[in-house]
């Protein structure tokens, strides 16, 4: 079901005008059948530093009869240095598995980088990397998409970057929806 945006305005006499606009981007169509095979994991991935943050939530494809099994429909929300953006996009299971493997190595060694990209070109480019030999890490990237209007297409984009505490990688790896993509050998002992 497409989302809608609501714009509200308040007049001098406290009356309220509400206008419902059609969604500019829509999530995959959901039917009762589709709802049964998609798993919305509510534990989001979040990296933050002061007012800057990147947050990702995911709906994971669970229908074993589809080639997209394990792919994730990811909602990205980012705010950095006053810029803010939102995007909904698909990420392939293989990309998520590689990202989690790289993020786990970065978390253990505090060197190297972890990269994540969306299926569609330029919709999501994300890099988490060590920035010093003393264990400082940073996240950078962009999320972009076209908006189709009556008279053309308009490119929307937010680029971002900020440093964050390395301990947030552990939380992202083992206490969020990303943990579903970790190999059994990289899981911490319980």
C-alpha atoms as a PDB file:
ATOM      1  CA  UNK A   1       0.000   0.000   0.000  1.00  0.00           C
ATOM      2  CA  UNK A   2       1.580   3.340  -0.967  1.00  0.00           C
ATOM      3  CA  UNK A   3       2.477   5.732   1.769  1.00  0.00           C
ATOM      4  CA  UNK A   4       1.162   9.247   1.781  1.00  0.00           C
ATOM      5  CA  UNK A   5       2.671  12.411   3.141  1.00  0.00           C
ATOM      6  CA  UNK A   6       0.645  14.803   5.197  1.00  0.00           C
ATOM      7  CA  UNK A   7       1.231  18.531   5.151  1.00  0.00           C
ATOM      8  CA  UNK A   8      -0.468  20.551   7.851  1.00  0.00           C
ATOM      9  CA  UNK A   9      -0.889  24.285   8.232  1.00  0.00           C
ATOM     10  CA  UNK A  10      -2.368  26.223  11.100  1.00  0.00           C
ATOM     11  CA  UNK A  11      -4.168  29.506  10.464  1.00  0.00           C
ATOM     12  CA  UNK A  12      -4.686  32.513  12.687  1.00  0.00           C
ATOM     13  CA  UNK A  13      -7.974  31.185  14.039  1.00  0.00           C
ATOM     14  CA  UNK A  14      -6.430  27.800  14.939  1.00  0.00           C
ATOM     15  CA  UNK A  15      -8.083  26.003  12.068  1.00  0.00           C
ATOM     16  CA  UNK A  16      -6.143  23.174  10.492  1.00  0.00           C
ATOM     17  CA  UNK A  17      -5.783  22.346   6.839  1.00  0.00           C
ATOM     18  CA  UNK A  18      -4.513  18.889   6.040  1.00  0.00           C
ATOM     19  CA  UNK A  19      -3.536  17.831   2.550  1.00  0.00           C
ATOM     20  CA  UNK A  20      -2.721  14.229   1.688  1.00  0.00           C
ATOM     21  CA  UNK A  21      -0.154  13.933  -1.066  1.00  0.00           C
ATOM     22  CA  UNK A  22       0.562  10.719  -2.944  1.00  0.00           C
ATOM     23  CA  UNK A  23       3.738   8.950  -1.954  1.00  0.00           C
ATOM     24  CA  UNK A  24       6.825   9.783  -3.951  1.00  0.00           C
ATOM     25  CA  UNK A  25       8.319   6.344  -3.430  1.00  0.00           C
ATOM     26  CA  UNK A  26       6.404   3.253  -2.472  1.00  0.00           C
ATOM     27  CA  UNK A  27       7.361   0.138  -0.609  1.00  0.00           C
ATOM     28  CA  UNK A  28       6.856  -3.206  -2.308  1.00  0.00           C
ATOM     29  CA  UNK A  29       3.196  -4.068  -2.643  1.00  0.00           C
ATOM     30  CA  UNK A  30       2.012  -5.960   0.368  1.00  0.00           C
ATOM     31  CA  UNK A  31      -0.711  -8.540   0.281  1.00  0.00           C
ATOM     32  CA  UNK A  32      -1.701 -11.026   2.931  1.00  0.00           C
ATOM     33  CA  UNK A  33       0.532 -13.594   1.210  1.00  0.00           C
ATOM     34  CA  UNK A  34       3.492 -11.205   1.023  1.00  0.00           C
ATOM     35  CA  UNK A  35       3.067 -10.197   4.672  1.00  0.00           C
ATOM     36  CA  UNK A  36       3.514 -13.856   5.647  1.00  0.00           C
ATOM     37  CA  UNK A  37       6.871 -14.239   3.929  1.00  0.00           C
ATOM     38  CA  UNK A  38       8.459 -10.912   4.857  1.00  0.00           C
ATOM     39  CA  UNK A  39       9.872 -10.535   8.335  1.00  0.00           C
ATOM     40  CA  UNK A  40      10.073  -6.996   9.685  1.00  0.00           C
ATOM     41  CA  UNK A  41      12.847  -7.007  12.248  1.00  0.00           C
ATOM     42  CA  UNK A  42      12.236  -4.102  14.598  1.00  0.00           C
ATOM     43  CA  UNK A  43      15.783  -3.890  15.981  1.00  0.00           C
ATOM     44  CA  UNK A  44      17.362  -1.163  13.897  1.00  0.00           C
ATOM     45  CA  UNK A  45      21.022  -0.636  13.088  1.00  0.00           C
ATOM     46  CA  UNK A  46      22.146   2.754  14.372  1.00  0.00           C
ATOM     47  CA  UNK A  47      25.488   4.535  14.327  1.00  0.00           C
ATOM     48  CA  UNK A  48      25.563   7.931  16.007  1.00  0.00           C
ATOM     49  CA  UNK A  49      27.712  10.736  17.291  1.00  0.00           C
ATOM     50  CA  UNK A  50      26.083  13.715  18.984  1.00  0.00           C
ATOM     51  CA  UNK A  51      23.403  14.968  16.546  1.00  0.00           C
ATOM     52  CA  UNK A  52      24.672  12.894  13.595  1.00  0.00           C
ATOM     53  CA  UNK A  53      23.265   9.422  12.938  1.00  0.00           C
ATOM     54  CA  UNK A  54      22.564   6.722  10.391  1.00  0.00           C
ATOM     55  CA  UNK A  55      19.707   4.348  11.115  1.00  0.00           C
ATOM     56  CA  UNK A  56      18.642   1.342   9.049  1.00  0.00           C
ATOM     57  CA  UNK A  57      15.591  -0.873   9.507  1.00  0.00           C
ATOM     58  CA  UNK A  58      14.869  -3.889   7.340  1.00  0.00           C
ATOM     59  CA  UNK A  59      12.162  -6.177   6.062  1.00  0.00           C
ATOM     60  CA  UNK A  60      13.778  -9.470   5.110  1.00  0.00           C
ATOM     61  CA  UNK A  61      12.468 -11.733   2.341  1.00  0.00           C
ATOM     62  CA  UNK A  62      11.761 -15.195   3.772  1.00  0.00           C
ATOM     63  CA  UNK A  63      10.046 -17.035   0.912  1.00  0.00           C
ATOM     64  CA  UNK A  64      12.411 -19.923   0.104  1.00  0.00           C
ATOM     65  CA  UNK A  65      10.885 -20.352  -3.366  1.00  0.00           C
ATOM     66  CA  UNK A  66      12.158 -16.932  -4.495  1.00  0.00           C
ATOM     67  CA  UNK A  67      15.620 -15.993  -5.734  1.00  0.00           C
ATOM     68  CA  UNK A  68      15.426 -12.956  -3.464  1.00  0.00           C
ATOM     69  CA  UNK A  69      15.428 -15.124  -0.309  1.00  0.00           C
ATOM     70  CA  UNK A  70      17.392 -13.230   2.329  1.00  0.00           C
ATOM     71  CA  UNK A  71      17.376  -9.923   0.447  1.00  0.00           C
ATOM     72  CA  UNK A  72      16.361  -6.977   2.627  1.00  0.00           C
ATOM     73  CA  UNK A  73      14.132  -4.004   1.926  1.00  0.00           C
ATOM     74  CA  UNK A  74      16.001  -1.387   3.938  1.00  0.00           C
ATOM     75  CA  UNK A  75      14.762   1.953   5.214  1.00  0.00           C
ATOM     76  CA  UNK A  76      17.647   4.387   5.666  1.00  0.00           C
ATOM     77  CA  UNK A  77      17.414   7.550   7.740  1.00  0.00           C
ATOM     78  CA  UNK A  78      20.494   9.750   7.994  1.00  0.00           C
ATOM     79  CA  UNK A  79      21.296  13.092   9.573  1.00  0.00           C
ATOM     80  CA  UNK A  80      24.732  14.685   9.485  1.00  0.00           C
ATOM     81  CA  UNK A  81      25.824  18.291  10.050  1.00  0.00           C
ATOM     82  CA  UNK A  82      22.333  19.623   9.434  1.00  0.00           C
ATOM     83  CA  UNK A  83      21.616  17.554   6.334  1.00  0.00           C
ATOM     84  CA  UNK A  84      18.935  14.884   6.562  1.00  0.00           C
ATOM     85  CA  UNK A  85      17.681  12.229   4.174  1.00  0.00           C
ATOM     86  CA  UNK A  86      15.494   9.152   3.939  1.00  0.00           C
ATOM     87  CA  UNK A  87      15.409   6.330   1.419  1.00  0.00           C
ATOM     88  CA  UNK A  88      13.808   2.917   0.959  1.00  0.00           C
ATOM     89  CA  UNK A  89      15.750   0.404  -1.117  1.00  0.00           C
ATOM     90  CA  UNK A  90      16.627  -3.250  -1.662  1.00  0.00           C
ATOM     91  CA  UNK A  91      19.963  -4.788  -0.634  1.00  0.00           C
ATOM     92  CA  UNK A  92      20.975  -8.276  -1.780  1.00  0.00           C
ATOM     93  CA  UNK A  93      21.662 -11.013   0.745  1.00  0.00           C
ATOM     94  CA  UNK A  94      25.197 -11.514  -0.614  1.00  0.00           C
ATOM     95  CA  UNK A  95      26.019  -7.827  -0.123  1.00  0.00           C
ATOM     96  CA  UNK A  96      24.711  -7.960   3.439  1.00  0.00           C
ATOM     97  CA  UNK A  97      26.706 -11.112   4.214  1.00  0.00           C
ATOM     98  CA  UNK A  98      29.907  -9.526   2.844  1.00  0.00           C
ATOM     99  CA  UNK A  99      29.231  -6.299   4.767  1.00  0.00           C
ATOM    100  CA  UNK A 100      28.697  -8.170   8.045  1.00  0.00           C
ATOM    101  CA  UNK A 101      31.900 -10.187   7.504  1.00  0.00           C
ATOM    102  CA  UNK A 102      33.870  -6.993   6.800  1.00  0.00           C
ATOM    103  CA  UNK A 103      32.255  -5.158   9.737  1.00  0.00           C
ATOM    104  CA  UNK A 104      33.104  -8.044  12.061  1.00  0.00           C
ATOM    105  CA  UNK A 105      36.766  -7.934  10.942  1.00  0.00           C
ATOM    106  CA  UNK A 106      36.829  -4.142  11.389  1.00  0.00           C
ATOM    107  CA  UNK A 107      35.270  -4.534  14.833  1.00  0.00           C
ATOM    108  CA  UNK A 108      37.884  -7.112  15.913  1.00  0.00           C
ATOM    109  CA  UNK A 109      40.986  -5.487  14.360  1.00  0.00           C
ATOM    110  CA  UNK A 110      40.046  -1.783  14.219  1.00  0.00           C
ATOM    111  CA  UNK A 111      41.579  -1.640  10.753  1.00  0.00           C
ATOM    112  CA  UNK A 112      40.169  -1.931   7.254  1.00  0.00           C
ATOM    113  CA  UNK A 113      36.689  -1.079   6.060  1.00  0.00           C
ATOM    114  CA  UNK A 114      33.194  -2.466   5.510  1.00  0.00           C
ATOM    115  CA  UNK A 115      31.170  -1.522   2.400  1.00  0.00           C
ATOM    116  CA  UNK A 116      27.460  -1.832   1.666  1.00  0.00           C
ATOM    117  CA  UNK A 117      25.605  -0.969  -1.550  1.00  0.00           C
ATOM    118  CA  UNK A 118      21.995  -1.173  -2.620  1.00  0.00           C
ATOM    119  CA  UNK A 119      20.847  -3.274  -5.574  1.00  0.00           C
ATOM    120  CA  UNK A 120      20.040  -0.209  -7.710  1.00  0.00           C
ATOM    121  CA  UNK A 121      23.041   1.923  -8.660  1.00  0.00           C
ATOM    122  CA  UNK A 122      23.687   4.896  -6.374  1.00  0.00           C
ATOM    123  CA  UNK A 123      20.692   4.298  -4.068  1.00  0.00           C
ATOM    124  CA  UNK A 124      23.009   3.464  -1.179  1.00  0.00           C
ATOM    125  CA  UNK A 125      26.769   3.605  -0.836  1.00  0.00           C
ATOM    126  CA  UNK A 126      28.007   3.113   2.714  1.00  0.00           C
ATOM    127  CA  UNK A 127      31.562   2.743   4.037  1.00  0.00           C
ATOM    128  CA  UNK A 128      32.622   2.203   7.636  1.00  0.00           C
ATOM    129  CA  UNK A 129      36.393   2.426   8.050  1.00  0.00           C
ATOM    130  CA  UNK A 130      39.183   2.834  10.550  1.00  0.00           C
ATOM    131  CA  UNK A 131      40.469   6.406  10.378  1.00  0.00           C
ATOM    132  CA  UNK A 132      43.430   6.177  12.771  1.00  0.00           C
ATOM    133  CA  UNK A 133      45.676   3.485  14.178  1.00  0.00           C
ATOM    134  CA  UNK A 134      44.280   4.326  17.636  1.00  0.00           C
ATOM    135  CA  UNK A 135      40.875   2.763  16.905  1.00  0.00           C
ATOM    136  CA  UNK A 136      38.842   5.709  15.659  1.00  0.00           C
ATOM    137  CA  UNK A 137      36.178   4.741  13.097  1.00  0.00           C
ATOM    138  CA  UNK A 138      34.006   6.745  10.729  1.00  0.00           C
ATOM    139  CA  UNK A 139      31.019   6.163   8.528  1.00  0.00           C
ATOM    140  CA  UNK A 140      30.511   7.888   5.189  1.00  0.00           C
ATOM    141  CA  UNK A 141      28.306   7.456   2.200  1.00  0.00           C
ATOM    142  CA  UNK A 142      25.320   8.651   0.254  1.00  0.00           C
ATOM    143  CA  UNK A 143      21.735   7.705  -0.408  1.00  0.00           C
ATOM    144  CA  UNK A 144      20.120   8.886  -3.626  1.00  0.00           C
ATOM    145  CA  UNK A 145      17.073   8.356  -5.827  1.00  0.00           C
ATOM    146  CA  UNK A 146      14.998   9.889  -8.595  1.00  0.00           C
ATOM    147  CA  UNK A 147      11.559  11.354  -7.928  1.00  0.00           C
ATOM    148  CA  UNK A 148       9.204  11.159 -10.887  1.00  0.00           C
ATOM    149  CA  UNK A 149       6.931  14.192 -11.256  1.00  0.00           C
ATOM    150  CA  UNK A 150       4.397  15.136 -13.912  1.00  0.00           C
ATOM    151  CA  UNK A 151       7.030  17.014 -15.889  1.00  0.00           C
ATOM    152  CA  UNK A 152      10.227  15.074 -15.357  1.00  0.00           C
ATOM    153  CA  UNK A 153      12.562  13.316 -12.992  1.00  0.00           C
ATOM    154  CA  UNK A 154      14.388  14.985 -10.131  1.00  0.00           C
ATOM    155  CA  UNK A 155      17.513  13.604  -8.476  1.00  0.00           C
ATOM    156  CA  UNK A 156      17.529  13.651  -4.658  1.00  0.00           C
ATOM    157  CA  UNK A 157      20.694  12.889  -2.716  1.00  0.00           C
ATOM    158  CA  UNK A 158      22.263  13.167   0.713  1.00  0.00           C
ATOM    159  CA  UNK A 159      25.967  12.574   1.316  1.00  0.00           C
ATOM    160  CA  UNK A 160      27.154  12.167   4.877  1.00  0.00           C
ATOM    161  CA  UNK A 161      30.098  11.323   7.091  1.00  0.00           C
ATOM    162  CA  UNK A 162      30.979  11.351  10.781  1.00  0.00           C
ATOM    163  CA  UNK A 163      33.086   9.517  13.358  1.00  0.00           C
ATOM    164  CA  UNK A 164      31.489   7.314  16.006  1.00  0.00           C
ATOM    165  CA  UNK A 165      32.460   5.114  18.963  1.00  0.00           C
ATOM    166  CA  UNK A 166      33.766   1.695  17.823  1.00  0.00           C
ATOM    167  CA  UNK A 167      31.625  -0.156  20.388  1.00  0.00           C
ATOM    168  CA  UNK A 168      28.563   0.642  18.268  1.00  0.00           C
ATOM    169  CA  UNK A 169      29.783  -1.913  15.712  1.00  0.00           C
ATOM    170  CA  UNK A 170      29.350  -4.737  18.242  1.00  0.00           C
ATOM    171  CA  UNK A 171      25.790  -3.631  18.938  1.00  0.00           C
ATOM    172  CA  UNK A 172      25.036  -3.456  15.218  1.00  0.00           C
ATOM    173  CA  UNK A 173      26.520  -6.891  14.556  1.00  0.00           C
ATOM    174  CA  UNK A 174      24.944  -8.878  17.364  1.00  0.00           C
ATOM    175  CA  UNK A 175      21.884  -6.976  18.577  1.00  0.00           C
ATOM    176  CA  UNK A 176      20.159  -5.909  15.361  1.00  0.00           C
ATOM    177  CA  UNK A 177      18.740  -7.431  12.190  1.00  0.00           C
ATOM    178  CA  UNK A 178      22.304  -7.605  10.774  1.00  0.00           C
ATOM    179  CA  UNK A 179      23.008 -10.584  13.093  1.00  0.00           C
ATOM    180  CA  UNK A 180      20.919 -12.744  10.732  1.00  0.00           C
ATOM    181  CA  UNK A 181      23.679 -12.378   8.115  1.00  0.00           C
ATOM    182  CA  UNK A 182      26.617 -13.349  10.352  1.00  0.00           C
ATOM    183  CA  UNK A 183      28.328 -16.673   9.726  1.00  0.00           C
ATOM    184  CA  UNK A 184      28.302 -19.201  12.548  1.00  0.00           C
ATOM    185  CA  UNK A 185      32.090 -18.970  12.859  1.00  0.00           C
ATOM    186  CA  UNK A 186      32.021 -15.212  13.504  1.00  0.00           C
ATOM    187  CA  UNK A 187      29.338 -15.296  16.199  1.00  0.00           C
ATOM    188  CA  UNK A 188      30.551 -14.551  19.732  1.00  0.00           C
ATOM    189  CA  UNK A 189      30.552 -17.422  22.247  1.00  0.00           C
ATOM    190  CA  UNK A 190      27.560 -17.455  24.562  1.00  0.00           C
END
